[in-house]
N, C-alpha and C. Protein backbone atom coordinates (compact mmCIF):
# COMPACT_ATOMS: atom_id res chain seq x y z
N UNK A 1 142.28 -100.08 -2.94
CA UNK A 1 142.08 -101.23 -2.08
C UNK A 1 140.95 -100.93 -1.11
N UNK A 2 140.03 -101.86 -0.98
CA UNK A 2 138.87 -101.68 -0.12
C UNK A 2 139.25 -101.95 1.34
N UNK A 3 138.85 -101.05 2.23
CA UNK A 3 139.13 -101.21 3.66
C UNK A 3 138.14 -102.18 4.27
N UNK A 4 138.66 -103.10 5.09
CA UNK A 4 137.82 -104.10 5.74
C UNK A 4 137.06 -103.47 6.89
N UNK A 5 135.78 -103.77 6.98
CA UNK A 5 134.95 -103.31 8.07
C UNK A 5 134.98 -104.39 9.15
N UNK A 6 135.33 -104.00 10.36
CA UNK A 6 135.42 -104.96 11.45
C UNK A 6 134.05 -105.18 12.08
N UNK A 7 133.75 -106.46 12.38
CA UNK A 7 132.51 -106.76 13.06
C UNK A 7 132.72 -106.65 14.57
N UNK A 8 131.67 -106.86 15.33
CA UNK A 8 131.75 -106.68 16.79
C UNK A 8 132.76 -107.61 17.43
N UNK A 9 132.94 -108.81 16.86
CA UNK A 9 133.87 -109.78 17.44
C UNK A 9 135.31 -109.35 17.19
N UNK A 10 135.57 -108.82 16.02
CA UNK A 10 136.92 -108.35 15.69
C UNK A 10 137.27 -107.09 16.49
N UNK A 11 136.29 -106.24 16.70
CA UNK A 11 136.52 -105.04 17.50
C UNK A 11 136.86 -105.41 18.95
N UNK A 12 136.14 -106.38 19.49
CA UNK A 12 136.42 -106.84 20.85
C UNK A 12 137.80 -107.49 20.94
N UNK A 13 138.18 -108.23 19.91
CA UNK A 13 139.50 -108.84 19.87
C UNK A 13 140.59 -107.77 19.89
N UNK A 14 140.43 -106.74 19.08
CA UNK A 14 141.41 -105.65 19.06
C UNK A 14 141.51 -104.99 20.44
N UNK A 15 140.38 -104.78 21.08
CA UNK A 15 140.35 -104.17 22.40
C UNK A 15 141.08 -105.04 23.41
N UNK A 16 140.77 -106.34 23.42
CA UNK A 16 141.39 -107.25 24.39
C UNK A 16 142.89 -107.42 24.11
N UNK A 17 143.29 -107.35 22.85
CA UNK A 17 144.72 -107.45 22.51
C UNK A 17 145.47 -106.26 23.10
N UNK A 18 144.90 -105.07 22.96
CA UNK A 18 145.54 -103.86 23.53
C UNK A 18 145.65 -103.96 25.04
N UNK A 19 144.61 -104.47 25.68
CA UNK A 19 144.62 -104.63 27.14
C UNK A 19 145.70 -105.62 27.54
N UNK A 20 145.79 -106.74 26.83
CA UNK A 20 146.80 -107.75 27.13
C UNK A 20 148.21 -107.19 26.91
N UNK A 21 148.41 -106.49 25.81
CA UNK A 21 149.74 -105.91 25.54
C UNK A 21 150.13 -104.92 26.63
N UNK A 22 149.19 -104.11 27.09
CA UNK A 22 149.47 -103.15 28.16
C UNK A 22 149.81 -103.89 29.46
N UNK A 23 149.11 -104.98 29.73
CA UNK A 23 149.35 -105.79 30.92
C UNK A 23 150.78 -106.36 30.89
N UNK A 24 151.17 -106.92 29.74
CA UNK A 24 152.51 -107.48 29.62
C UNK A 24 153.58 -106.39 29.76
N UNK A 25 153.32 -105.25 29.15
CA UNK A 25 154.28 -104.14 29.24
C UNK A 25 154.41 -103.66 30.68
N UNK A 26 153.29 -103.55 31.38
CA UNK A 26 153.29 -103.11 32.78
C UNK A 26 154.12 -104.07 33.65
N UNK A 27 154.03 -105.35 33.34
CA UNK A 27 154.78 -106.35 34.09
C UNK A 27 156.24 -106.46 33.63
N UNK A 28 156.55 -105.86 32.48
CA UNK A 28 157.90 -105.92 31.94
C UNK A 28 158.25 -107.28 31.37
N UNK A 29 157.25 -107.95 30.79
CA UNK A 29 157.45 -109.27 30.21
C UNK A 29 156.98 -109.27 28.77
N UNK A 30 157.42 -110.27 28.02
CA UNK A 30 157.01 -110.36 26.61
C UNK A 30 156.18 -111.60 26.33
N UNK A 31 156.10 -112.50 27.28
CA UNK A 31 155.35 -113.73 27.09
C UNK A 31 154.26 -113.85 28.14
N UNK A 32 153.09 -114.29 27.71
CA UNK A 32 151.98 -114.50 28.64
C UNK A 32 152.34 -115.56 29.68
N UNK A 33 153.21 -116.48 29.31
CA UNK A 33 153.60 -117.55 30.23
C UNK A 33 154.46 -117.03 31.39
N UNK A 34 155.02 -115.84 31.24
CA UNK A 34 155.84 -115.26 32.31
C UNK A 34 155.00 -114.47 33.32
N UNK A 35 153.72 -114.35 33.06
CA UNK A 35 152.82 -113.64 33.96
C UNK A 35 152.75 -114.40 35.28
N UNK A 36 152.86 -113.70 36.41
CA UNK A 36 152.79 -114.38 37.70
C UNK A 36 151.46 -115.10 37.94
N UNK A 37 150.42 -114.70 37.24
CA UNK A 37 149.11 -115.33 37.41
C UNK A 37 148.83 -116.44 36.38
N UNK A 38 149.79 -116.70 35.50
CA UNK A 38 149.62 -117.73 34.49
C UNK A 38 149.47 -119.08 35.17
N UNK A 39 148.57 -119.93 34.77
CA UNK A 39 147.66 -119.86 33.64
C UNK A 39 146.27 -119.35 34.00
N UNK A 40 146.13 -118.67 35.12
CA UNK A 40 144.81 -118.22 35.56
C UNK A 40 144.64 -116.71 35.50
N UNK A 41 145.42 -116.06 34.66
CA UNK A 41 145.33 -114.60 34.51
C UNK A 41 144.01 -114.24 33.81
N UNK A 42 143.22 -113.42 34.47
CA UNK A 42 141.91 -113.04 33.92
C UNK A 42 142.04 -112.25 32.62
N UNK A 43 143.09 -111.44 32.51
CA UNK A 43 143.31 -110.65 31.28
C UNK A 43 143.60 -111.59 30.12
N UNK A 44 144.44 -112.58 30.35
CA UNK A 44 144.74 -113.56 29.30
C UNK A 44 143.51 -114.37 28.93
N UNK A 45 142.73 -114.74 29.93
CA UNK A 45 141.51 -115.51 29.67
C UNK A 45 140.53 -114.72 28.80
N UNK A 46 140.40 -113.42 29.06
CA UNK A 46 139.50 -112.59 28.25
C UNK A 46 140.00 -112.47 26.82
N UNK A 47 141.33 -112.39 26.66
CA UNK A 47 141.91 -112.32 25.33
C UNK A 47 141.66 -113.62 24.55
N UNK A 48 141.90 -114.75 25.19
CA UNK A 48 141.68 -116.05 24.54
C UNK A 48 140.21 -116.20 24.16
N UNK A 49 139.32 -115.77 25.04
CA UNK A 49 137.88 -115.82 24.73
C UNK A 49 137.56 -114.94 23.52
N UNK A 50 138.17 -113.76 23.46
CA UNK A 50 137.93 -112.86 22.33
C UNK A 50 138.46 -113.47 21.03
N UNK A 51 139.61 -114.16 21.09
CA UNK A 51 140.14 -114.84 19.90
C UNK A 51 139.15 -115.90 19.43
N UNK A 52 138.70 -116.73 20.35
CA UNK A 52 137.75 -117.79 20.01
C UNK A 52 136.47 -117.19 19.41
N UNK A 53 135.94 -116.16 20.06
CA UNK A 53 134.70 -115.54 19.57
C UNK A 53 134.88 -114.90 18.21
N UNK A 54 136.05 -114.31 17.95
CA UNK A 54 136.28 -113.69 16.64
C UNK A 54 136.36 -114.75 15.54
N UNK A 55 136.85 -115.93 15.92
CA UNK A 55 136.94 -117.02 14.93
C UNK A 55 135.58 -117.67 14.70
N UNK A 56 134.79 -117.78 15.74
CA UNK A 56 133.50 -118.47 15.61
C UNK A 56 132.34 -117.49 15.43
N UNK A 57 132.66 -116.21 15.49
CA UNK A 57 131.65 -115.15 15.37
C UNK A 57 130.56 -115.29 16.42
N UNK A 58 130.98 -115.74 17.61
CA UNK A 58 130.06 -115.84 18.73
C UNK A 58 129.25 -117.12 18.78
N UNK A 59 129.31 -117.92 17.71
CA UNK A 59 128.59 -119.19 17.71
C UNK A 59 129.41 -120.21 18.49
N UNK A 60 128.81 -121.28 18.85
CA UNK A 60 129.48 -122.30 19.65
C UNK A 60 130.40 -123.20 18.86
N UNK A 61 130.99 -122.75 17.82
CA UNK A 61 131.91 -123.55 17.02
C UNK A 61 131.80 -123.17 15.55
N UNK A 62 132.41 -123.95 14.70
CA UNK A 62 132.34 -123.67 13.26
C UNK A 62 133.09 -122.41 12.88
N UNK A 63 134.40 -122.43 12.97
CA UNK A 63 135.19 -121.25 12.67
C UNK A 63 135.08 -120.87 11.20
N UNK A 64 135.15 -119.57 10.94
CA UNK A 64 135.13 -119.05 9.59
C UNK A 64 136.52 -118.55 9.25
N UNK A 65 137.16 -119.21 8.26
CA UNK A 65 138.50 -118.78 7.84
C UNK A 65 138.46 -118.21 6.46
């Protein structure tokens, strides 16, 4: 089986996911909605941005599935 090579957008997504998971664990919560800063949590915002960028590959739209 061929191993997938991650592009810069996927690498950033993995990084932001780890940061978000650590943030939730530190707070002792399992849902982003339970964050005291929700919906304005900067960590969550960076994660959502990374998800969007990984789907659009940094372009302003046109997701690649």
